[in-house]
Protein backbone atom coordinates (compact mmCIF):
# COMPACT_ATOMS: atom_id res chain seq x y z
CA MET A 1 61.93 -16.45 -81.46
CA THR A 2 61.84 -16.39 -85.08
CA LYS A 3 59.27 -17.69 -87.33
CA ALA A 4 61.31 -20.69 -88.04
CA ALA A 5 61.77 -21.55 -84.37
CA THR A 6 58.06 -21.26 -83.73
CA LEU A 7 57.29 -23.49 -86.61
CA LEU A 8 59.85 -25.94 -85.44
CA ALA A 9 58.39 -25.98 -81.98
CA ALA A 10 54.94 -26.50 -83.42
CA GLU A 11 56.14 -29.43 -85.35
CA GLU A 12 57.71 -31.02 -82.35
CA GLY A 13 54.30 -30.93 -80.53
CA TYR A 14 55.14 -28.35 -77.94
CA ASN A 15 52.13 -26.32 -76.80
CA PRO A 16 52.97 -23.24 -74.74
CA LEU A 17 49.61 -23.41 -72.99
CA LEU A 18 50.20 -26.87 -71.59
CA PRO A 19 52.74 -27.26 -68.79
CA HIS A 20 55.46 -29.81 -68.83
CA THR A 21 54.84 -33.11 -67.09
CA TYR A 22 57.39 -32.54 -64.34
CA GLU A 23 55.59 -29.22 -63.53
CA LEU A 24 52.32 -31.09 -63.42
CA VAL A 25 53.74 -33.70 -61.03
CA VAL A 26 55.28 -31.07 -58.77
CA GLY A 27 52.07 -29.01 -58.87
CA ILE A 28 49.89 -32.02 -58.03
CA PHE A 29 52.26 -33.03 -55.21
CA ALA A 30 52.30 -29.47 -53.83
CA PHE A 31 48.50 -29.32 -54.12
CA ALA A 32 48.19 -32.66 -52.30
CA VAL A 33 50.46 -31.45 -49.47
CA VAL A 34 48.50 -28.19 -49.10
CA ALA A 35 45.17 -30.03 -49.31
CA PHE A 36 46.35 -32.60 -46.74
CA PHE A 37 47.53 -29.79 -44.47
CA LEU A 38 44.24 -27.94 -44.90
CA ILE A 39 42.10 -31.03 -44.32
CA LYS A 40 44.05 -32.51 -41.41
CA VAL A 41 45.29 -29.42 -39.57
CA LEU A 42 43.48 -26.24 -40.51
CA THR A 43 39.97 -27.58 -41.18
CA PRO A 44 39.53 -29.06 -37.66
CA ARG A 45 40.85 -25.86 -36.13
CA ILE A 46 38.58 -23.75 -38.30
CA GLN A 47 35.61 -26.00 -37.51
CA LYS A 48 36.46 -25.89 -33.81
CA THR A 49 36.69 -22.10 -33.91
CA LEU A 50 33.43 -21.86 -35.85
CA ALA A 51 31.74 -24.23 -33.39
CA GLU A 52 33.02 -22.16 -30.46
CA ARG A 53 31.77 -18.99 -32.07
CA THR A 54 28.43 -20.62 -32.86
CA ASP A 55 28.17 -21.84 -29.27
CA ALA A 56 29.21 -18.43 -28.01
CA ILE A 57 26.67 -16.68 -30.20
CA GLU A 58 23.89 -19.16 -29.48
CA GLY A 59 24.85 -19.25 -25.81
CA GLY A 60 24.99 -15.47 -25.76
CA ILE A 61 21.57 -15.27 -27.33
CA LYS A 62 20.27 -17.88 -24.92
CA ARG A 63 21.87 -16.08 -21.96
CA ALA A 64 20.49 -12.79 -23.22
CA GLU A 65 17.01 -14.31 -23.48
CA GLU A 66 17.37 -15.79 -19.99
CA ALA A 67 18.65 -12.49 -18.63
CA GLN A 68 15.78 -10.66 -20.32
CA ALA A 69 13.26 -13.14 -18.89
CA GLU A 70 14.85 -12.76 -15.45
CA ALA A 71 14.78 -8.98 -15.81
CA GLN A 72 11.12 -9.09 -16.76
CA ALA A 73 10.39 -11.35 -13.78
CA LEU A 74 12.27 -8.97 -11.47
CA GLN A 75 10.46 -6.02 -13.00
CA LYS A 76 7.12 -7.74 -12.40
CA GLN A 77 8.19 -8.58 -8.84
CA TYR A 78 9.21 -4.96 -8.21
CA ARG A 79 5.94 -3.70 -9.65
CA ASP A 80 4.03 -6.12 -7.42
CA GLN A 81 6.06 -5.00 -4.40
CA LEU A 82 5.49 -1.36 -5.32
CA ALA A 83 1.76 -1.94 -5.66
CA GLU A 84 1.74 -3.77 -2.33
CA ALA A 85 3.73 -0.95 -0.70
CA ARG A 86 1.28 1.62 -2.08
CA HIS A 87 -1.63 -0.44 -0.79
CA GLU A 88 0.04 -0.75 2.61
CA ALA A 89 0.73 3.01 2.68
CA ALA A 90 -2.92 3.73 1.87
CA ARG A 91 -4.01 1.34 4.62
CA LEU A 92 -1.64 2.99 7.10
CA ARG A 93 -2.91 6.45 6.12
CA GLU A 94 -6.48 5.30 6.65
CA GLU A 95 -5.57 3.80 10.03
CA ALA A 96 -3.83 7.05 10.98
CA ARG A 97 -6.95 9.03 10.00
CA GLU A 98 -9.12 6.72 12.07
CA GLN A 99 -6.77 6.98 15.03
CA ALA A 100 -6.67 10.77 14.67
CA ALA A 101 -10.47 10.90 14.64
CA GLN A 102 -10.60 8.61 17.67
CA ILE A 103 -8.01 10.68 19.54
CA LYS A 104 -9.87 13.86 18.60
CA ALA A 105 -13.13 12.41 19.92
CA GLU A 106 -11.42 11.24 23.12
CA LEU A 107 -9.82 14.65 23.64
CA ARG A 108 -13.16 16.37 23.00
CA GLU A 109 -14.84 14.04 25.48
CA GLU A 110 -12.09 14.63 28.05
CA ALA A 111 -12.35 18.39 27.52
CA GLN A 112 -16.13 18.28 27.96
CA ALA A 113 -15.73 16.15 31.10
CA GLU A 114 -13.13 18.60 32.42
CA ALA A 115 -15.44 21.52 31.60
CA ARG A 116 -18.34 19.80 33.43
CA ARG A 117 -16.06 19.12 36.40
CA LEU A 118 -14.91 22.74 36.45
CA ILE A 119 -18.50 23.98 36.19
CA GLU A 120 -19.60 21.64 38.98
CA ALA A 121 -16.64 22.77 41.10
CA ALA A 122 -17.52 26.39 40.38
CA HIS A 123 -21.18 25.75 41.31
CA ALA A 124 -20.05 24.01 44.51
CA GLN A 125 -17.72 26.93 45.31
CA ILE A 126 -20.49 29.42 44.60
CA GLU A 127 -22.87 27.46 46.81
CA ALA A 128 -20.24 27.29 49.57
CA ASP A 129 -19.58 31.02 49.23
CA ARG A 130 -23.34 31.69 49.31
CA GLN A 131 -23.73 29.57 52.42
CA ALA A 132 -20.78 31.33 54.04
CA ALA A 133 -22.20 34.73 53.06
CA PHE A 134 -25.63 33.69 54.32
CA ALA A 135 -24.16 32.54 57.64
CA SER A 136 -22.11 35.73 57.90
CA LEU A 137 -25.18 37.85 57.09
CA ARG A 138 -27.26 35.87 59.55
CA ASN A 139 -24.72 36.54 62.30
CA GLU A 140 -24.47 40.20 61.34
CA ILE A 141 -28.23 40.58 61.09
CA GLY A 142 -28.55 38.81 64.42
CA ARG A 143 -26.10 41.14 66.08
CA LEU A 144 -27.69 44.23 64.57
CA SER A 145 -31.21 43.10 65.40
CA THR A 146 -30.14 42.32 68.95
CA ASP A 147 -28.66 45.76 69.30
CA LEU A 148 -31.77 47.31 67.78
CA ALA A 149 -34.13 45.21 69.88
CA GLY A 150 -32.12 46.12 72.96
CA ARG A 151 -32.52 49.79 72.20
CA ILE A 152 -36.22 49.44 71.49
CA VAL A 153 -36.98 47.31 74.51
CA GLY A 154 -34.65 49.21 76.63
CA GLU A 155 -32.98 46.24 78.14
CA SER A 156 -29.83 44.55 77.20
CA LEU A 157 -30.08 41.32 75.29
CA GLU A 158 -26.64 40.22 76.23
CA ASP A 159 -27.60 36.69 77.03
CA GLU A 160 -26.46 34.64 74.08
CA ALA A 161 -29.23 32.03 74.23
CA ARG A 162 -31.84 34.71 74.32
CA GLN A 163 -30.10 36.49 71.47
CA ARG A 164 -30.08 33.37 69.38
CA ARG A 165 -33.76 32.66 69.97
CA THR A 166 -34.71 36.20 69.14
CA VAL A 167 -32.62 36.24 65.97
CA ASP A 168 -33.89 32.85 64.83
CA ARG A 169 -37.49 33.90 65.43
CA PHE A 170 -36.94 37.15 63.52
CA LEU A 171 -35.27 35.42 60.58
CA ASP A 172 -37.98 32.73 60.46
CA GLU A 173 -40.60 35.46 60.29
CA LEU A 174 -38.65 37.11 57.45
CA GLU A 175 -38.34 33.86 55.53
CA ASN A 176 -42.02 33.05 55.99
CA SER A 177 -43.07 36.48 54.82
CA ALA A 178 -40.74 36.12 51.78
CA ALA A 179 -42.11 32.65 51.02
CA VAL A 180 -45.72 33.88 51.13
CA ARG A 181 -45.07 36.56 48.56
């Protein structure tokens, strides 16, 4: 535009910074439609989405706190159970030690009783063997003394009753002479 056209436009009252009225009406109408659409359609959806997210976040936090509290309770329960199990294991070990000591004492007592029984049996066997040896010696001594006495006396001491009396008398004299010493 020329200088003359600009001056002419200025005289007519046209301001290039101000829009025309029909643009203003169309702009206001378009703004009203967009605002109506935003207020009636998008705002409730946005608010609903925000509320869901808020609920999800708050619910998540609440669930996380509940889960953490539950985890802590379970952890405490497990610690209590572990402590109880350790206590029970210690008690069982102590009982096992006591039972082992008792079994050891019983076995020692049984072994000592068995040893006493074996010693008594050995003493009884020795005594029986001594008695058998004594009886065997007595018979042998009797036979030898009868033979010797028969040779000294010059007569036969074949009579068994006489032999027995002679042997018994001889052995009694030996025992008496041994007892006196």
